Amino acid sequence: MKTAIMKNIITGKECRVHLTLEHPAVQCGIAVWADDEGRAYFPEDVQNPFYELRDIKDE
């Protein structure tokens, strides 16, 4: 499983996220980044101008 720290570049808020295929937001088999509370942010292969991913790790 891939994990990362996601930072909202506008508010500065950070949260830990993981890449998952087990979320209702998954479409066409493309994994999404989701937090521990179940919020999905965006698919793995999409660049999002409001968020920065860092410390991406395979765990």
PDB file of N, CA and C in Angstrom:
ATOM      1  N   MET A   1       0.858  -1.180   0.000  1.00  0.00           N
ATOM      2  CA  MET A   1       0.000   0.000   0.000  1.00  0.00           C
ATOM      3  C   MET A   1       0.900   1.238   0.000  1.00  0.00           C
ATOM      4  N   LYS A   2       0.534   2.220  -0.796  1.00  0.00           N
ATOM      5  CA  LYS A   2       1.246   3.496  -0.801  1.00  0.00           C
ATOM      6  C   LYS A   2       0.594   4.436   0.206  1.00  0.00           C
ATOM      7  N   THR A   3       1.421   5.153   0.959  1.00  0.00           N
ATOM      8  CA  THR A   3       0.949   6.171   1.876  1.00  0.00           C
ATOM      9  C   THR A   3       1.701   7.460   1.573  1.00  0.00           C
ATOM     10  N   ALA A   4       1.138   8.566   2.033  1.00  0.00           N
ATOM     11  CA  ALA A   4       1.778   9.864   1.810  1.00  0.00           C
ATOM     12  C   ALA A   4       1.230  10.877   2.798  1.00  0.00           C
ATOM     13  N   ILE A   5       1.870  12.017   2.844  1.00  0.00           N
ATOM     14  CA  ILE A   5       1.351  13.178   3.564  1.00  0.00           C
ATOM     15  C   ILE A   5       0.809  14.119   2.501  1.00  0.00           C
ATOM     16  N   MET A   6      -0.446  14.527   2.659  1.00  0.00           N
ATOM     17  CA  MET A   6      -1.071  15.444   1.719  1.00  0.00           C
ATOM     18  C   MET A   6      -1.236  16.802   2.399  1.00  0.00           C
ATOM     19  N   LYS A   7      -0.762  17.839   1.718  1.00  0.00           N
ATOM     20  CA  LYS A   7      -0.869  19.196   2.257  1.00  0.00           C
ATOM     21  C   LYS A   7      -1.747  20.034   1.345  1.00  0.00           C
ATOM     22  N   ASN A   8      -2.738  20.693   1.945  1.00  0.00           N
ATOM     23  CA  ASN A   8      -3.552  21.660   1.216  1.00  0.00           C
ATOM     24  C   ASN A   8      -2.710  22.924   1.119  1.00  0.00           C
ATOM     25  N   ILE A   9      -2.337  23.329  -0.088  1.00  0.00           N
ATOM     26  CA  ILE A   9      -1.417  24.461  -0.230  1.00  0.00           C
ATOM     27  C   ILE A   9      -2.077  25.807   0.064  1.00  0.00           C
ATOM     28  N   ILE A  10      -3.378  25.839   0.171  1.00  0.00           N
ATOM     29  CA  ILE A  10      -4.065  27.093   0.502  1.00  0.00           C
ATOM     30  C   ILE A  10      -4.180  27.262   2.014  1.00  0.00           C
ATOM     31  N   THR A  11      -4.625  26.209   2.707  1.00  0.00           N
ATOM     32  CA  THR A  11      -4.834  26.306   4.156  1.00  0.00           C
ATOM     33  C   THR A  11      -3.632  25.852   4.970  1.00  0.00           C
ATOM     34  N   GLY A  12      -2.748  25.078   4.361  1.00  0.00           N
ATOM     35  CA  GLY A  12      -1.598  24.539   5.077  1.00  0.00           C
ATOM     36  C   GLY A  12      -1.921  23.268   5.862  1.00  0.00           C
ATOM     37  N   LYS A  13      -3.180  22.844   5.864  1.00  0.00           N
ATOM     38  CA  LYS A  13      -3.576  21.650   6.601  1.00  0.00           C
ATOM     39  C   LYS A  13      -2.964  20.409   5.958  1.00  0.00           C
ATOM     40  N   GLU A  14      -2.456  19.497   6.801  1.00  0.00           N
ATOM     41  CA  GLU A  14      -1.863  18.261   6.328  1.00  0.00           C
ATOM     42  C   GLU A  14      -2.619  17.064   6.891  1.00  0.00           C
ATOM     43  N   CYS A  15      -2.638  15.989   6.137  1.00  0.00           N
ATOM     44  CA  CYS A  15      -3.210  14.741   6.639  1.00  0.00           C
ATOM     45  C   CYS A  15      -2.504  13.571   5.975  1.00  0.00           C
ATOM     46  N   ARG A  16      -2.558  12.440   6.635  1.00  0.00           N
ATOM     47  CA  ARG A  16      -1.989  11.218   6.091  1.00  0.00           C
ATOM     48  C   ARG A  16      -3.029  10.573   5.189  1.00  0.00           C
ATOM     49  N   VAL A  17      -2.592  10.140   4.018  1.00  0.00           N
ATOM     50  CA  VAL A  17      -3.484   9.506   3.055  1.00  0.00           C
ATOM     51  C   VAL A  17      -2.870   8.191   2.581  1.00  0.00           C
ATOM     52  N   HIS A  18      -3.735   7.353   2.017  1.00  0.00           N
ATOM     53  CA  HIS A  18      -3.269   6.096   1.435  1.00  0.00           C
ATOM     54  C   HIS A  18      -3.964   5.895   0.090  1.00  0.00           C
ATOM     55  N   LEU A  19      -3.301   5.176  -0.763  1.00  0.00           N
ATOM     56  CA  LEU A  19      -3.837   4.878  -2.086  1.00  0.00           C
ATOM     57  C   LEU A  19      -4.694   3.628  -1.971  1.00  0.00           C
ATOM     58  N   THR A  20      -5.929   3.691  -2.469  1.00  0.00           N
ATOM     59  CA  THR A  20      -6.842   2.569  -2.308  1.00  0.00           C
ATOM     60  C   THR A  20      -7.735   2.350  -3.520  1.00  0.00           C
ATOM     61  N   LEU A  21      -8.079   1.090  -3.704  1.00  0.00           N
ATOM     62  CA  LEU A  21      -9.085   0.718  -4.695  1.00  0.00           C
ATOM     63  C   LEU A  21     -10.396   0.368  -3.994  1.00  0.00           C
ATOM     64  N   GLU A  22     -10.413   0.458  -2.665  1.00  0.00           N
ATOM     65  CA  GLU A  22     -11.564   0.064  -1.847  1.00  0.00           C
ATOM     66  C   GLU A  22     -12.377   1.272  -1.403  1.00  0.00           C
ATOM     67  N   HIS A  23     -12.680   2.173  -2.305  1.00  0.00           N
ATOM     68  CA  HIS A  23     -13.430   3.387  -1.970  1.00  0.00           C
ATOM     69  C   HIS A  23     -14.493   3.611  -3.040  1.00  0.00           C
ATOM     70  N   PRO A  24     -15.675   4.108  -2.675  1.00  0.00           N
ATOM     71  CA  PRO A  24     -16.728   4.351  -3.677  1.00  0.00           C
ATOM     72  C   PRO A  24     -16.331   5.330  -4.783  1.00  0.00           C
ATOM     73  N   ALA A  25     -15.318   6.171  -4.546  1.00  0.00           N
ATOM     74  CA  ALA A  25     -14.898   7.143  -5.561  1.00  0.00           C
ATOM     75  C   ALA A  25     -14.033   6.527  -6.657  1.00  0.00           C
ATOM     76  N   VAL A  26     -13.616   5.271  -6.480  1.00  0.00           N
ATOM     77  CA  VAL A  26     -12.802   4.596  -7.491  1.00  0.00           C
ATOM     78  C   VAL A  26     -13.641   4.399  -8.748  1.00  0.00           C
ATOM     79  N   GLN A  27     -13.081   4.805  -9.888  1.00  0.00           N
ATOM     80  CA  GLN A  27     -13.766   4.622 -11.172  1.00  0.00           C
ATOM     81  C   GLN A  27     -12.808   3.990 -12.162  1.00  0.00           C
ATOM     82  N   CYS A  28     -13.293   3.044 -12.912  1.00  0.00           N
ATOM     83  CA  CYS A  28     -12.502   2.371 -13.953  1.00  0.00           C
ATOM     84  C   CYS A  28     -11.220   1.755 -13.397  1.00  0.00           C
ATOM     85  N   GLY A  29     -11.234   1.346 -12.131  1.00  0.00           N
ATOM     86  CA  GLY A  29     -10.076   0.694 -11.534  1.00  0.00           C
ATOM     87  C   GLY A  29      -8.915   1.612 -11.213  1.00  0.00           C
ATOM     88  N   ILE A  30      -9.144   2.918 -11.196  1.00  0.00           N
ATOM     89  CA  ILE A  30      -8.077   3.877 -10.881  1.00  0.00           C
ATOM     90  C   ILE A  30      -8.134   4.199  -9.395  1.00  0.00           C
ATOM     91  N   ALA A  31      -7.045   3.910  -8.679  1.00  0.00           N
ATOM     92  CA  ALA A  31      -6.978   4.119  -7.232  1.00  0.00           C
ATOM     93  C   ALA A  31      -7.087   5.599  -6.883  1.00  0.00           C
ATOM     94  N   VAL A  32      -7.618   5.880  -5.687  1.00  0.00           N
ATOM     95  CA  VAL A  32      -7.727   7.257  -5.199  1.00  0.00           C
ATOM     96  C   VAL A  32      -6.938   7.409  -3.903  1.00  0.00           C
ATOM     97  N   TRP A  33      -6.518   8.640  -3.636  1.00  0.00           N
ATOM     98  CA  TRP A  33      -5.897   8.970  -2.361  1.00  0.00           C
ATOM     99  C   TRP A  33      -7.021   9.248  -1.371  1.00  0.00           C
ATOM    100  N   ALA A  34      -7.021   8.570  -0.235  1.00  0.00           N
ATOM    101  CA  ALA A  34      -8.065   8.733   0.772  1.00  0.00           C
ATOM    102  C   ALA A  34      -7.429   8.856   2.151  1.00  0.00           C
ATOM    103  N   ASP A  35      -8.107   9.570   3.063  1.00  0.00           N
ATOM    104  CA  ASP A  35      -7.586   9.691   4.421  1.00  0.00           C
ATOM    105  C   ASP A  35      -8.209   8.625   5.316  1.00  0.00           C
ATOM    106  N   ASP A  36      -7.800   8.600   6.577  1.00  0.00           N
ATOM    107  CA  ASP A  36      -8.292   7.591   7.515  1.00  0.00           C
ATOM    108  C   ASP A  36      -9.767   7.762   7.854  1.00  0.00           C
ATOM    109  N   GLU A  37     -10.335   8.927   7.560  1.00  0.00           N
ATOM    110  CA  GLU A  37     -11.755   9.168   7.819  1.00  0.00           C
ATOM    111  C   GLU A  37     -12.625   8.812   6.618  1.00  0.00           C
ATOM    112  N   GLY A  38     -12.000   8.327   5.541  1.00  0.00           N
ATOM    113  CA  GLY A  38     -12.756   7.875   4.381  1.00  0.00           C
ATOM    114  C   GLY A  38     -12.989   8.921   3.312  1.00  0.00           C
ATOM    115  N   ARG A  39     -12.424  10.106   3.448  1.00  0.00           N
ATOM    116  CA  ARG A  39     -12.574  11.127   2.410  1.00  0.00           C
ATOM    117  C   ARG A  39     -11.600  10.838   1.270  1.00  0.00           C
ATOM    118  N   ALA A  40     -12.106  10.810   0.050  1.00  0.00           N
ATOM    119  CA  ALA A  40     -11.256  10.639  -1.126  1.00  0.00           C
ATOM    120  C   ALA A  40     -10.922  12.023  -1.667  1.00  0.00           C
ATOM    121  N   TYR A  41      -9.707  12.193  -2.117  1.00  0.00           N
ATOM    122  CA  TYR A  41      -9.269  13.496  -2.608  1.00  0.00           C
ATOM    123  C   TYR A  41      -9.168  13.546  -4.127  1.00  0.00           C
ATOM    124  N   PHE A  42      -8.395  12.672  -4.732  1.00  0.00           N
ATOM    125  CA  PHE A  42      -8.274  12.643  -6.186  1.00  0.00           C
ATOM    126  C   PHE A  42      -7.577  11.358  -6.606  1.00  0.00           C
ATOM    127  N   PRO A  43      -7.748  10.944  -7.851  1.00  0.00           N
ATOM    128  CA  PRO A  43      -7.125   9.708  -8.336  1.00  0.00           C
ATOM    129  C   PRO A  43      -5.599   9.795  -8.343  1.00  0.00           C
ATOM    130  N   GLU A  44      -4.986   8.626  -8.309  1.00  0.00           N
ATOM    131  CA  GLU A  44      -3.524   8.516  -8.257  1.00  0.00           C
ATOM    132  C   GLU A  44      -2.832   9.272  -9.386  1.00  0.00           C
ATOM    133  N   ASP A  45      -3.352   9.187 -10.580  1.00  0.00           N
ATOM    134  CA  ASP A  45      -2.649   9.747 -11.740  1.00  0.00           C
ATOM    135  C   ASP A  45      -3.087  11.164 -12.119  1.00  0.00           C
ATOM    136  N   VAL A  46      -3.763  11.868 -11.210  1.00  0.00           N
ATOM    137  CA  VAL A  46      -4.237  13.226 -11.490  1.00  0.00           C
ATOM    138  C   VAL A  46      -3.413  14.242 -10.697  1.00  0.00           C
ATOM    139  N   GLN A  47      -2.992  15.301 -11.351  1.00  0.00           N
ATOM    140  CA  GLN A  47      -2.318  16.402 -10.668  1.00  0.00           C
ATOM    141  C   GLN A  47      -3.387  17.332 -10.109  1.00  0.00           C
ATOM    142  N   ASN A  48      -3.279  17.708  -8.850  1.00  0.00           N
ATOM    143  CA  ASN A  48      -4.262  18.586  -8.234  1.00  0.00           C
ATOM    144  C   ASN A  48      -3.556  19.861  -7.778  1.00  0.00           C
ATOM    145  N   PRO A  49      -3.939  21.026  -8.300  1.00  0.00           N
ATOM    146  CA  PRO A  49      -3.229  22.269  -7.977  1.00  0.00           C
ATOM    147  C   PRO A  49      -3.412  22.742  -6.537  1.00  0.00           C
ATOM    148  N   PHE A  50      -4.343  22.166  -5.794  1.00  0.00           N
ATOM    149  CA  PHE A  50      -4.599  22.612  -4.427  1.00  0.00           C
ATOM    150  C   PHE A  50      -3.919  21.752  -3.370  1.00  0.00           C
ATOM    151  N   TYR A  51      -3.370  20.606  -3.778  1.00  0.00           N
ATOM    152  CA  TYR A  51      -2.746  19.681  -2.831  1.00  0.00           C
ATOM    153  C   TYR A  51      -1.347  19.309  -3.274  1.00  0.00           C
ATOM    154  N   GLU A  52      -0.504  19.068  -2.294  1.00  0.00           N
ATOM    155  CA  GLU A  52       0.852  18.625  -2.543  1.00  0.00           C
ATOM    156  C   GLU A  52       1.040  17.297  -1.816  1.00  0.00           C
ATOM    157  N   LEU A  53       1.526  16.287  -2.511  1.00  0.00           N
ATOM    158  CA  LEU A  53       1.828  15.004  -1.891  1.00  0.00           C
ATOM    159  C   LEU A  53       3.314  14.951  -1.588  1.00  0.00           C
ATOM    160  N   ARG A  54       3.641  14.461  -0.405  1.00  0.00           N
ATOM    161  CA  ARG A  54       5.060  14.288  -0.070  1.00  0.00           C
ATOM    162  C   ARG A  54       5.232  13.053   0.799  1.00  0.00           C
ATOM    163  N   ASP A  55       6.448  12.634   0.932  1.00  0.00           N
ATOM    164  CA  ASP A  55       6.784  11.439   1.719  1.00  0.00           C
ATOM    165  C   ASP A  55       5.998  10.220   1.247  1.00  0.00           C
ATOM    166  N   ILE A  56       5.883  10.036  -0.056  1.00  0.00           N
ATOM    167  CA  ILE A  56       5.180   8.880  -0.599  1.00  0.00           C
ATOM    168  C   ILE A  56       6.024   7.638  -0.328  1.00  0.00           C
ATOM    169  N   LYS A  57       5.395   6.626   0.282  1.00  0.00           N
ATOM    170  CA  LYS A  57       6.102   5.391   0.650  1.00  0.00           C
ATOM    171  C   LYS A  57       5.268   4.188   0.272  1.00  0.00           C
ATOM    172  N   ASP A  58       5.956   3.109  -0.061  1.00  0.00           N
ATOM    173  CA  ASP A  58       5.317   1.801  -0.212  1.00  0.00           C
ATOM    174  C   ASP A  58       5.443   1.099   1.130  1.00  0.00           C
ATOM    175  N   GLU A  59       4.314   0.760   1.717  1.00  0.00           N
ATOM    176  CA  GLU A  59       4.346   0.082   3.026  1.00  0.00           C
ATOM    177  C   GLU A  59       3.753  -1.284   2.925  1.00  0.00           C
TER     178      GLU A  59
END
